[in-house]
Amino acid sequence: MMLPDRASSASGLRQAFDLSLFVAGSASRSLRTIQSVKRALEEHAPGRYRLRVVDIYRQPELAVANQIVAVPTLVCTLPQPTRFFVGHLATPADVLRKLSILLRREEFA
């Protein structure tokens, strides 16, 4: 999936991100993680991402299908290859550290 970036040239396209965030329930830690991921994406990839939040307690079949063994886990299916970022995502800075390779890679595309 490619979405046009307003800041790029008329013919240039920038990569979109397709992500799933797996969390456990609606405890404050899960809510903080969701907010951090959303804030980081809005700041660094506005309008160029799709984020699905999956509560493994409500949808355990999705956790099994995606081979999720720990939460939080952020799964990035686009750009390819699929990447799994497991662990601490409590602040936007944590999210950006995990996604930095993807964000840096698109600067050179």
C-alpha atoms as a PDB file:
ATOM      1  CA  MET A   1       0.000   0.000   0.000  1.00  0.00           C
ATOM      2  CA  MET A   2       1.430   3.355  -0.971  1.00  0.00           C
ATOM      3  CA  LEU A   3       0.016   6.699   0.079  1.00  0.00           C
ATOM      4  CA  PRO A   4       1.035  10.081  -1.278  1.00  0.00           C
ATOM      5  CA  ASP A   5       2.904  12.343   1.083  1.00  0.00           C
ATOM      6  CA  ARG A   6       1.926  16.009   0.906  1.00  0.00           C
ATOM      7  CA  ALA A   7       5.505  17.080   1.640  1.00  0.00           C
ATOM      8  CA  SER A   8       7.010  15.047  -1.193  1.00  0.00           C
ATOM      9  CA  SER A   9       7.066  15.931  -4.854  1.00  0.00           C
ATOM     10  CA  ALA A  10       3.902  15.421  -6.881  1.00  0.00           C
ATOM     11  CA  SER A  11       5.274  12.229  -8.426  1.00  0.00           C
ATOM     12  CA  GLY A  12       6.928  10.896  -5.255  1.00  0.00           C
ATOM     13  CA  LEU A  13       5.303   8.346  -2.982  1.00  0.00           C
ATOM     14  CA  ARG A  14       6.261   7.354   0.544  1.00  0.00           C
ATOM     15  CA  GLN A  15       5.783   3.983   2.164  1.00  0.00           C
ATOM     16  CA  ALA A  16       2.732   3.358   4.293  1.00  0.00           C
ATOM     17  CA  PHE A  17       2.849   1.295   7.469  1.00  0.00           C
ATOM     18  CA  ASP A  18       0.462  -1.552   8.264  1.00  0.00           C
ATOM     19  CA  LEU A  19       0.694  -2.408  11.960  1.00  0.00           C
ATOM     20  CA  SER A  20      -1.022  -4.543  14.568  1.00  0.00           C
ATOM     21  CA  LEU A  21      -0.486  -3.898  18.267  1.00  0.00           C
ATOM     22  CA  PHE A  22      -1.153  -6.847  20.566  1.00  0.00           C
ATOM     23  CA  VAL A  23      -1.934  -5.944  24.179  1.00  0.00           C
ATOM     24  CA  ALA A  24      -3.342  -7.755  27.206  1.00  0.00           C
ATOM     25  CA  GLY A  25      -6.606  -6.260  28.403  1.00  0.00           C
ATOM     26  CA  SER A  26      -7.460  -2.653  29.153  1.00  0.00           C
ATOM     27  CA  ALA A  27      -5.217  -2.048  32.146  1.00  0.00           C
ATOM     28  CA  SER A  28      -3.406   1.274  32.410  1.00  0.00           C
ATOM     29  CA  ARG A  29      -0.218  -0.261  31.013  1.00  0.00           C
ATOM     30  CA  SER A  30      -2.009  -1.428  27.851  1.00  0.00           C
ATOM     31  CA  LEU A  31      -3.758   1.925  27.426  1.00  0.00           C
ATOM     32  CA  ARG A  32      -0.451   3.782  27.836  1.00  0.00           C
ATOM     33  CA  THR A  33       1.135   1.544  25.187  1.00  0.00           C
ATOM     34  CA  ILE A  34      -1.714   2.184  22.735  1.00  0.00           C
ATOM     35  CA  GLN A  35      -1.460   5.947  23.264  1.00  0.00           C
ATOM     36  CA  SER A  36       2.325   5.903  22.815  1.00  0.00           C
ATOM     37  CA  VAL A  37       2.152   3.987  19.550  1.00  0.00           C
ATOM     38  CA  LYS A  38      -0.575   6.239  18.163  1.00  0.00           C
ATOM     39  CA  ARG A  39       1.273   9.413  19.195  1.00  0.00           C
ATOM     40  CA  ALA A  40       4.554   8.267  17.630  1.00  0.00           C
ATOM     41  CA  LEU A  41       2.835   7.319  14.370  1.00  0.00           C
ATOM     42  CA  GLU A  42       0.901  10.587  14.177  1.00  0.00           C
ATOM     43  CA  GLU A  43       4.093  12.579  14.705  1.00  0.00           C
ATOM     44  CA  HIS A  44       6.310  10.640  12.285  1.00  0.00           C
ATOM     45  CA  ALA A  45       3.985   9.014   9.743  1.00  0.00           C
ATOM     46  CA  PRO A  46       0.772  11.061   9.760  1.00  0.00           C
ATOM     47  CA  GLY A  47      -1.821   9.705   7.370  1.00  0.00           C
ATOM     48  CA  ARG A  48       0.484   6.896   6.254  1.00  0.00           C
ATOM     49  CA  TYR A  49      -0.367   4.096   8.644  1.00  0.00           C
ATOM     50  CA  ARG A  50      -3.078   1.656   9.574  1.00  0.00           C
ATOM     51  CA  LEU A  51      -3.013   0.465  13.173  1.00  0.00           C
ATOM     52  CA  ARG A  52      -5.120  -2.387  14.508  1.00  0.00           C
ATOM     53  CA  VAL A  53      -5.183  -2.925  18.270  1.00  0.00           C
ATOM     54  CA  VAL A  54      -5.759  -6.522  19.332  1.00  0.00           C
ATOM     55  CA  ASP A  55      -6.618  -7.448  22.909  1.00  0.00           C
ATOM     56  CA  ILE A  56      -5.345 -11.014  23.274  1.00  0.00           C
ATOM     57  CA  TYR A  57      -7.936 -11.713  25.986  1.00  0.00           C
ATOM     58  CA  ARG A  58     -10.801 -10.863  23.628  1.00  0.00           C
ATOM     59  CA  GLN A  59      -9.259 -12.275  20.437  1.00  0.00           C
ATOM     60  CA  PRO A  60      -6.859 -15.061  21.443  1.00  0.00           C
ATOM     61  CA  GLU A  61      -7.207 -16.667  18.008  1.00  0.00           C
ATOM     62  CA  LEU A  62      -5.461 -13.654  16.435  1.00  0.00           C
ATOM     63  CA  ALA A  63      -2.591 -13.980  18.896  1.00  0.00           C
ATOM     64  CA  VAL A  64      -2.206 -17.650  17.982  1.00  0.00           C
ATOM     65  CA  ALA A  65      -2.494 -16.978  14.239  1.00  0.00           C
ATOM     66  CA  ASN A  66       0.204 -14.284  14.472  1.00  0.00           C
ATOM     67  CA  GLN A  67       2.432 -16.375  16.766  1.00  0.00           C
ATOM     68  CA  ILE A  68       2.353 -13.795  19.564  1.00  0.00           C
ATOM     69  CA  VAL A  69       4.122 -15.125  22.655  1.00  0.00           C
ATOM     70  CA  ALA A  70       4.524 -11.904  24.666  1.00  0.00           C
ATOM     71  CA  VAL A  71       2.793  -8.560  24.953  1.00  0.00           C
ATOM     72  CA  PRO A  72       3.017  -5.837  24.049  1.00  0.00           C
ATOM     73  CA  THR A  73       3.999  -6.825  20.522  1.00  0.00           C
ATOM     74  CA  LEU A  74       3.880  -4.471  17.561  1.00  0.00           C
ATOM     75  CA  VAL A  75       3.709  -6.330  14.242  1.00  0.00           C
ATOM     76  CA  CYS A  76       4.625  -4.394  11.120  1.00  0.00           C
ATOM     77  CA  THR A  77       3.471  -6.200   7.965  1.00  0.00           C
ATOM     78  CA  LEU A  78       4.164  -3.284   5.606  1.00  0.00           C
ATOM     79  CA  PRO A  79       6.732  -2.426   4.517  1.00  0.00           C
ATOM     80  CA  GLN A  80       7.917  -5.986   3.927  1.00  0.00           C
ATOM     81  CA  PRO A  81       9.393  -8.101   5.433  1.00  0.00           C
ATOM     82  CA  THR A  82       7.109  -8.552   8.440  1.00  0.00           C
ATOM     83  CA  ARG A  83       8.765  -7.432  11.664  1.00  0.00           C
ATOM     84  CA  PHE A  84       7.868  -8.129  15.291  1.00  0.00           C
ATOM     85  CA  PHE A  85       8.767  -5.568  17.965  1.00  0.00           C
ATOM     86  CA  VAL A  86       8.320  -7.106  21.416  1.00  0.00           C
ATOM     87  CA  GLY A  87       8.525  -5.379  24.741  1.00  0.00           C
ATOM     88  CA  HIS A  88       8.456  -1.969  26.329  1.00  0.00           C
ATOM     89  CA  LEU A  89       6.431   0.577  24.312  1.00  0.00           C
ATOM     90  CA  ALA A  90       5.318   2.870  27.142  1.00  0.00           C
ATOM     91  CA  THR A  91       6.457   6.147  25.574  1.00  0.00           C
ATOM     92  CA  PRO A  92       6.549   7.495  22.012  1.00  0.00           C
ATOM     93  CA  ALA A  93      10.365   7.453  22.289  1.00  0.00           C
ATOM     94  CA  ASP A  94      10.264   3.682  22.959  1.00  0.00           C
ATOM     95  CA  VAL A  95       8.110   3.182  19.877  1.00  0.00           C
ATOM     96  CA  LEU A  96      10.382   5.323  17.722  1.00  0.00           C
ATOM     97  CA  ARG A  97      13.458   3.391  18.860  1.00  0.00           C
ATOM     98  CA  LYS A  98      11.817   0.174  17.695  1.00  0.00           C
ATOM     99  CA  LEU A  99      10.532   1.650  14.429  1.00  0.00           C
ATOM    100  CA  SER A 100      13.628   3.731  13.709  1.00  0.00           C
ATOM    101  CA  ILE A 101      15.041   1.284  11.176  1.00  0.00           C
ATOM    102  CA  LEU A 102      11.830   1.540   9.144  1.00  0.00           C
ATOM    103  CA  LEU A 103      11.585   5.312   9.404  1.00  0.00           C
ATOM    104  CA  ARG A 104      15.266   5.774   8.502  1.00  0.00           C
ATOM    105  CA  ARG A 105      15.026   3.347   5.598  1.00  0.00           C
ATOM    106  CA  GLU A 106      12.307   5.400   3.922  1.00  0.00           C
ATOM    107  CA  GLU A 107      14.446   8.564   4.069  1.00  0.00           C
ATOM    108  CA  PHE A 108      16.757   6.955   1.521  1.00  0.00           C
ATOM    109  CA  ALA A 109      14.057   5.457  -0.705  1.00  0.00           C
END
